[in-house]
Amino acid sequence: MNKSGFVNDAMPPELARMIEGMREKFIADICVKLHEIETLQSELTKVAGRGDALRALSFIAHRLSGVAATVGFRDLGDCASAVEAEIMAQDKSPSDLSLLSARIDDLLDHIEDAIIDG
């Protein structure tokens, strides 16, 4: 097992190195995404530009949900999926943004945990 605890000894060494490299890149990427998501979340409070913020958040959430589990952050991926689903629900029926904001807060918490725990 490696330092992350995600890659195990049963994996071929080349695959383990590749996944560990992806994991390290993912952590570096989410350091940047953390600030982007916080900025976009604050943009949701403004009527002007809300649609752009929702689209950008949806794109980020979709990308995170697709990669997170692959590199050992299943819970982060699940939170990202929940954010994406809530944004899609907002597209169909715009309503109070409190549930979306709560889901974003959860996602931010999981991102911070992933950065700290690496």
N, C-alpha and C. Protein backbone atom coordinates (compact mmCIF):
# COMPACT_ATOMS: atom_id res chain seq x y z
N MET A 1 0.85 -1.18 0.00
CA MET A 1 0.00 0.00 0.00
C MET A 1 0.89 1.24 0.00
N ASN A 2 0.42 2.29 -0.63
CA ASN A 2 1.21 3.51 -0.70
C ASN A 2 0.80 4.49 0.38
N LYS A 3 1.36 5.70 0.33
CA LYS A 3 1.08 6.70 1.35
C LYS A 3 -0.38 7.12 1.40
N SER A 4 -1.08 7.06 0.29
CA SER A 4 -2.48 7.51 0.27
C SER A 4 -3.42 6.45 0.83
N GLY A 5 -2.97 5.19 0.84
CA GLY A 5 -3.83 4.11 1.30
C GLY A 5 -4.82 3.67 0.25
N PHE A 6 -4.80 4.29 -0.90
CA PHE A 6 -5.77 3.95 -1.95
C PHE A 6 -5.24 2.87 -2.87
N VAL A 7 -4.01 3.01 -3.30
CA VAL A 7 -3.40 2.03 -4.19
C VAL A 7 -2.88 0.90 -3.32
N ASN A 8 -3.16 -0.34 -3.72
CA ASN A 8 -2.73 -1.46 -2.88
C ASN A 8 -1.69 -2.33 -3.57
N ASP A 9 -1.11 -3.23 -2.79
CA ASP A 9 -0.02 -4.07 -3.28
C ASP A 9 -0.46 -5.04 -4.37
N ALA A 10 -1.75 -5.32 -4.47
CA ALA A 10 -2.23 -6.26 -5.48
C ALA A 10 -2.23 -5.66 -6.88
N MET A 11 -2.14 -4.35 -6.97
CA MET A 11 -2.12 -3.68 -8.28
C MET A 11 -0.75 -3.85 -8.92
N PRO A 12 -0.74 -3.96 -10.22
CA PRO A 12 0.56 -3.94 -10.91
C PRO A 12 1.25 -2.61 -10.60
N PRO A 13 2.56 -2.62 -10.37
CA PRO A 13 3.27 -1.39 -9.98
C PRO A 13 3.08 -0.22 -10.94
N GLU A 14 3.05 -0.50 -12.22
CA GLU A 14 2.88 0.59 -13.20
C GLU A 14 1.51 1.25 -13.05
N LEU A 15 0.47 0.45 -12.84
CA LEU A 15 -0.88 0.98 -12.63
C LEU A 15 -0.93 1.77 -11.33
N ALA A 16 -0.31 1.24 -10.28
CA ALA A 16 -0.30 1.93 -8.99
C ALA A 16 0.37 3.30 -9.12
N ARG A 17 1.49 3.36 -9.83
CA ARG A 17 2.18 4.64 -10.03
C ARG A 17 1.31 5.62 -10.82
N MET A 18 0.65 5.10 -11.83
CA MET A 18 -0.19 5.95 -12.67
C MET A 18 -1.36 6.52 -11.85
N ILE A 19 -2.00 5.69 -11.06
CA ILE A 19 -3.13 6.16 -10.25
C ILE A 19 -2.65 7.14 -9.19
N GLU A 20 -1.52 6.86 -8.58
CA GLU A 20 -0.97 7.77 -7.57
C GLU A 20 -0.65 9.12 -8.20
N GLY A 21 -0.11 9.12 -9.42
CA GLY A 21 0.16 10.38 -10.11
C GLY A 21 -1.11 11.14 -10.42
N MET A 22 -2.15 10.42 -10.82
CA MET A 22 -3.46 11.06 -11.08
C MET A 22 -4.02 11.65 -9.79
N ARG A 23 -3.85 10.93 -8.70
CA ARG A 23 -4.34 11.39 -7.40
C ARG A 23 -3.64 12.69 -6.98
N GLU A 24 -2.32 12.71 -7.16
CA GLU A 24 -1.57 13.92 -6.80
C GLU A 24 -1.99 15.11 -7.67
N LYS A 25 -2.19 14.87 -8.96
CA LYS A 25 -2.65 15.94 -9.86
C LYS A 25 -4.06 16.39 -9.47
N PHE A 26 -4.92 15.44 -9.12
CA PHE A 26 -6.28 15.77 -8.70
C PHE A 26 -6.24 16.68 -7.48
N ILE A 27 -5.41 16.35 -6.50
CA ILE A 27 -5.32 17.17 -5.28
C ILE A 27 -4.84 18.58 -5.63
N ALA A 28 -3.84 18.67 -6.50
CA ALA A 28 -3.37 20.00 -6.93
C ALA A 28 -4.49 20.77 -7.62
N ASP A 29 -5.24 20.09 -8.46
CA ASP A 29 -6.34 20.74 -9.19
C ASP A 29 -7.45 21.22 -8.24
N ILE A 30 -7.77 20.41 -7.24
CA ILE A 30 -8.88 20.81 -6.36
C ILE A 30 -8.49 21.97 -5.45
N CYS A 31 -7.19 22.18 -5.26
CA CYS A 31 -6.77 23.37 -4.51
C CYS A 31 -7.23 24.63 -5.24
N VAL A 32 -7.12 24.61 -6.55
CA VAL A 32 -7.57 25.74 -7.39
C VAL A 32 -9.09 25.77 -7.44
N LYS A 33 -9.70 24.60 -7.63
CA LYS A 33 -11.16 24.52 -7.75
C LYS A 33 -11.86 24.99 -6.48
N LEU A 34 -11.24 24.78 -5.33
CA LEU A 34 -11.83 25.21 -4.07
C LEU A 34 -12.16 26.70 -4.12
N HIS A 35 -11.20 27.49 -4.55
CA HIS A 35 -11.42 28.95 -4.62
C HIS A 35 -12.41 29.32 -5.72
N GLU A 36 -12.36 28.62 -6.84
CA GLU A 36 -13.31 28.87 -7.92
C GLU A 36 -14.74 28.61 -7.44
N ILE A 37 -14.93 27.50 -6.75
CA ILE A 37 -16.27 27.14 -6.27
C ILE A 37 -16.76 28.15 -5.26
N GLU A 38 -15.88 28.58 -4.36
CA GLU A 38 -16.29 29.59 -3.37
C GLU A 38 -16.72 30.89 -4.06
N THR A 39 -15.97 31.30 -5.07
CA THR A 39 -16.32 32.52 -5.81
C THR A 39 -17.65 32.35 -6.53
N LEU A 40 -17.82 31.21 -7.19
CA LEU A 40 -19.08 30.97 -7.91
C LEU A 40 -20.26 30.89 -6.95
N GLN A 41 -20.05 30.30 -5.79
CA GLN A 41 -21.13 30.22 -4.80
C GLN A 41 -21.58 31.62 -4.39
N SER A 42 -20.63 32.52 -4.22
CA SER A 42 -21.01 33.89 -3.85
C SER A 42 -21.72 34.60 -5.00
N GLU A 43 -21.42 34.22 -6.24
CA GLU A 43 -22.09 34.80 -7.40
C GLU A 43 -23.56 34.40 -7.48
N LEU A 44 -23.91 33.28 -6.85
CA LEU A 44 -25.30 32.81 -6.90
C LEU A 44 -26.26 33.77 -6.19
N THR A 45 -25.73 34.58 -5.29
CA THR A 45 -26.60 35.51 -4.57
C THR A 45 -27.02 36.70 -5.44
N LYS A 46 -26.32 36.88 -6.57
CA LYS A 46 -26.63 37.97 -7.48
C LYS A 46 -27.50 37.43 -8.62
N VAL A 47 -28.56 38.14 -8.92
CA VAL A 47 -29.44 37.70 -10.01
C VAL A 47 -28.71 37.77 -11.35
N ALA A 48 -28.03 38.89 -11.59
CA ALA A 48 -27.25 39.03 -12.83
C ALA A 48 -26.05 38.10 -12.75
N GLY A 49 -25.88 37.26 -13.73
CA GLY A 49 -24.75 36.35 -13.75
C GLY A 49 -24.98 35.01 -13.07
N ARG A 50 -26.16 34.83 -12.49
CA ARG A 50 -26.45 33.58 -11.80
C ARG A 50 -26.39 32.39 -12.76
N GLY A 51 -26.93 32.57 -13.95
CA GLY A 51 -26.92 31.48 -14.93
C GLY A 51 -25.51 31.06 -15.29
N ASP A 52 -24.62 32.03 -15.47
CA ASP A 52 -23.22 31.71 -15.77
C ASP A 52 -22.57 30.97 -14.60
N ALA A 53 -22.85 31.41 -13.39
CA ALA A 53 -22.29 30.76 -12.21
C ALA A 53 -22.80 29.31 -12.10
N LEU A 54 -24.08 29.12 -12.37
CA LEU A 54 -24.64 27.76 -12.31
C LEU A 54 -24.00 26.85 -13.37
N ARG A 55 -23.82 27.38 -14.57
CA ARG A 55 -23.18 26.57 -15.62
C ARG A 55 -21.75 26.21 -15.25
N ALA A 56 -21.01 27.17 -14.73
CA ALA A 56 -19.62 26.91 -14.34
C ALA A 56 -19.54 25.92 -13.19
N LEU A 57 -20.44 26.07 -12.22
CA LEU A 57 -20.48 25.11 -11.10
C LEU A 57 -20.85 23.72 -11.58
N SER A 58 -21.78 23.65 -12.49
CA SER A 58 -22.19 22.35 -13.02
C SER A 58 -21.03 21.66 -13.72
N PHE A 59 -20.27 22.42 -14.50
CA PHE A 59 -19.13 21.87 -15.22
C PHE A 59 -18.08 21.35 -14.23
N ILE A 60 -17.76 22.15 -13.22
CA ILE A 60 -16.77 21.74 -12.23
C ILE A 60 -17.26 20.50 -11.47
N ALA A 61 -18.52 20.52 -11.05
CA ALA A 61 -19.07 19.38 -10.30
C ALA A 61 -19.05 18.11 -11.14
N HIS A 62 -19.40 18.24 -12.40
CA HIS A 62 -19.40 17.08 -13.30
C HIS A 62 -17.99 16.49 -13.42
N ARG A 63 -17.02 17.34 -13.61
CA ARG A 63 -15.62 16.87 -13.73
C ARG A 63 -15.16 16.22 -12.43
N LEU A 64 -15.47 16.84 -11.30
CA LEU A 64 -15.06 16.27 -10.01
C LEU A 64 -15.72 14.92 -9.77
N SER A 65 -17.00 14.82 -10.08
CA SER A 65 -17.71 13.55 -9.82
C SER A 65 -17.17 12.44 -10.69
N GLY A 66 -16.67 12.79 -11.87
CA GLY A 66 -16.15 11.77 -12.77
C GLY A 66 -14.79 11.25 -12.39
N VAL A 67 -13.99 12.05 -11.72
CA VAL A 67 -12.61 11.67 -11.43
C VAL A 67 -12.40 11.27 -9.97
N ALA A 68 -13.13 11.86 -9.07
CA ALA A 68 -12.87 11.69 -7.64
C ALA A 68 -12.81 10.23 -7.18
N ALA A 69 -13.79 9.45 -7.55
CA ALA A 69 -13.80 8.05 -7.10
C ALA A 69 -12.64 7.26 -7.69
N THR A 70 -12.26 7.58 -8.90
CA THR A 70 -11.15 6.88 -9.56
C THR A 70 -9.85 7.03 -8.78
N VAL A 71 -9.68 8.19 -8.14
CA VAL A 71 -8.44 8.44 -7.41
C VAL A 71 -8.62 8.33 -5.90
N GLY A 72 -9.72 7.70 -5.48
CA GLY A 72 -9.89 7.37 -4.07
C GLY A 72 -10.70 8.32 -3.22
N PHE A 73 -11.43 9.22 -3.83
CA PHE A 73 -12.25 10.18 -3.08
C PHE A 73 -13.73 10.00 -3.44
N ARG A 74 -14.25 8.83 -3.13
CA ARG A 74 -15.63 8.49 -3.49
C ARG A 74 -16.64 9.47 -2.88
N ASP A 75 -16.48 9.83 -1.60
CA ASP A 75 -17.43 10.74 -0.96
C ASP A 75 -17.43 12.12 -1.61
N LEU A 76 -16.24 12.59 -2.00
CA LEU A 76 -16.15 13.86 -2.69
C LEU A 76 -16.89 13.78 -4.02
N GLY A 77 -16.71 12.68 -4.72
CA GLY A 77 -17.41 12.48 -5.99
C GLY A 77 -18.92 12.46 -5.82
N ASP A 78 -19.37 11.79 -4.75
CA ASP A 78 -20.81 11.75 -4.46
C ASP A 78 -21.35 13.15 -4.18
N CYS A 79 -20.60 13.95 -3.43
CA CYS A 79 -21.04 15.33 -3.15
C CYS A 79 -21.08 16.15 -4.43
N ALA A 80 -20.09 15.97 -5.28
CA ALA A 80 -20.08 16.69 -6.55
C ALA A 80 -21.28 16.31 -7.40
N SER A 81 -21.62 15.02 -7.40
CA SER A 81 -22.81 14.57 -8.14
C SER A 81 -24.08 15.21 -7.58
N ALA A 82 -24.15 15.33 -6.27
CA ALA A 82 -25.32 15.95 -5.64
C ALA A 82 -25.44 17.42 -6.03
N VAL A 83 -24.30 18.10 -6.11
CA VAL A 83 -24.31 19.50 -6.55
C VAL A 83 -24.80 19.59 -7.99
N GLU A 84 -24.27 18.73 -8.83
CA GLU A 84 -24.67 18.75 -10.24
C GLU A 84 -26.17 18.46 -10.38
N ALA A 85 -26.66 17.49 -9.63
CA ALA A 85 -28.09 17.14 -9.69
C ALA A 85 -28.96 18.31 -9.23
N GLU A 86 -28.54 18.99 -8.18
CA GLU A 86 -29.31 20.13 -7.68
C GLU A 86 -29.30 21.28 -8.68
N ILE A 87 -28.19 21.47 -9.37
CA ILE A 87 -28.14 22.51 -10.41
C ILE A 87 -29.09 22.15 -11.54
N MET A 88 -29.13 20.88 -11.93
CA MET A 88 -30.06 20.45 -12.97
C MET A 88 -31.50 20.67 -12.52
N ALA A 89 -31.78 20.43 -11.25
CA ALA A 89 -33.13 20.67 -10.73
C ALA A 89 -33.45 22.16 -10.77
N GLN A 90 -32.46 23.01 -10.50
CA GLN A 90 -32.66 24.46 -10.58
C GLN A 90 -32.97 24.89 -12.01
N ASP A 91 -32.34 24.25 -12.98
CA ASP A 91 -32.60 24.57 -14.39
C ASP A 91 -34.04 24.29 -14.77
N LYS A 92 -34.57 23.19 -14.23
CA LYS A 92 -35.94 22.79 -14.57
C LYS A 92 -36.97 23.61 -13.82
N SER A 93 -36.66 23.95 -12.58
CA SER A 93 -37.61 24.68 -11.75
C SER A 93 -36.85 25.57 -10.77
N PRO A 94 -36.48 26.77 -11.20
CA PRO A 94 -35.73 27.66 -10.32
C PRO A 94 -36.47 27.89 -9.00
N SER A 95 -35.75 27.74 -7.92
CA SER A 95 -36.36 27.92 -6.61
C SER A 95 -35.30 28.45 -5.64
N ASP A 96 -35.62 28.35 -4.39
CA ASP A 96 -34.72 28.77 -3.32
C ASP A 96 -33.36 28.07 -3.50
N LEU A 97 -32.31 28.80 -3.34
CA LEU A 97 -30.97 28.25 -3.55
C LEU A 97 -30.35 27.68 -2.27
N SER A 98 -31.12 27.60 -1.19
CA SER A 98 -30.53 27.16 0.08
C SER A 98 -30.05 25.70 0.03
N LEU A 99 -30.80 24.82 -0.64
CA LEU A 99 -30.37 23.43 -0.74
C LEU A 99 -29.10 23.32 -1.58
N LEU A 100 -29.05 24.05 -2.68
CA LEU A 100 -27.84 24.05 -3.51
C LEU A 100 -26.66 24.59 -2.72
N SER A 101 -26.87 25.65 -1.99
CA SER A 101 -25.79 26.24 -1.20
C SER A 101 -25.28 25.24 -0.15
N ALA A 102 -26.20 24.50 0.47
CA ALA A 102 -25.81 23.49 1.46
C ALA A 102 -25.01 22.37 0.80
N ARG A 103 -25.42 21.97 -0.39
CA ARG A 103 -24.68 20.92 -1.11
C ARG A 103 -23.29 21.41 -1.51
N ILE A 104 -23.20 22.67 -1.89
CA ILE A 104 -21.89 23.25 -2.23
C ILE A 104 -21.01 23.29 -1.00
N ASP A 105 -21.58 23.68 0.14
CA ASP A 105 -20.81 23.69 1.39
C ASP A 105 -20.27 22.30 1.71
N ASP A 106 -21.09 21.26 1.52
CA ASP A 106 -20.63 19.88 1.73
C ASP A 106 -19.47 19.55 0.80
N LEU A 107 -19.61 19.94 -0.45
CA LEU A 107 -18.56 19.68 -1.43
C LEU A 107 -17.27 20.39 -1.02
N LEU A 108 -17.37 21.62 -0.62
CA LEU A 108 -16.19 22.37 -0.18
C LEU A 108 -15.53 21.68 1.02
N ASP A 109 -16.33 21.19 1.95
CA ASP A 109 -15.78 20.46 3.11
C ASP A 109 -15.02 19.21 2.66
N HIS A 110 -15.59 18.47 1.72
CA HIS A 110 -14.93 17.27 1.22
C HIS A 110 -13.65 17.60 0.44
N ILE A 111 -13.67 18.70 -0.27
CA ILE A 111 -12.46 19.13 -0.98
C ILE A 111 -11.37 19.47 0.03
N GLU A 112 -11.74 20.22 1.04
CA GLU A 112 -10.75 20.58 2.08
C GLU A 112 -10.19 19.33 2.74
N ASP A 113 -11.05 18.36 3.05
CA ASP A 113 -10.58 17.11 3.66
C ASP A 113 -9.60 16.38 2.73
N ALA A 114 -9.91 16.34 1.45
CA ALA A 114 -9.04 15.66 0.48
C ALA A 114 -7.69 16.35 0.40
N ILE A 115 -7.69 17.67 0.45
CA ILE A 115 -6.44 18.42 0.39
C ILE A 115 -5.60 18.14 1.64
N ILE A 116 -6.25 18.15 2.78
CA ILE A 116 -5.53 17.93 4.04
C ILE A 116 -5.04 16.49 4.17
N ASP A 117 -5.93 15.54 3.86
CA ASP A 117 -5.60 14.13 4.04
C ASP A 117 -4.74 13.58 2.92
N GLY A 118 -4.85 14.25 1.74
CA GLY A 118 -4.06 13.87 0.57
C GLY A 118 -4.17 12.44 0.26
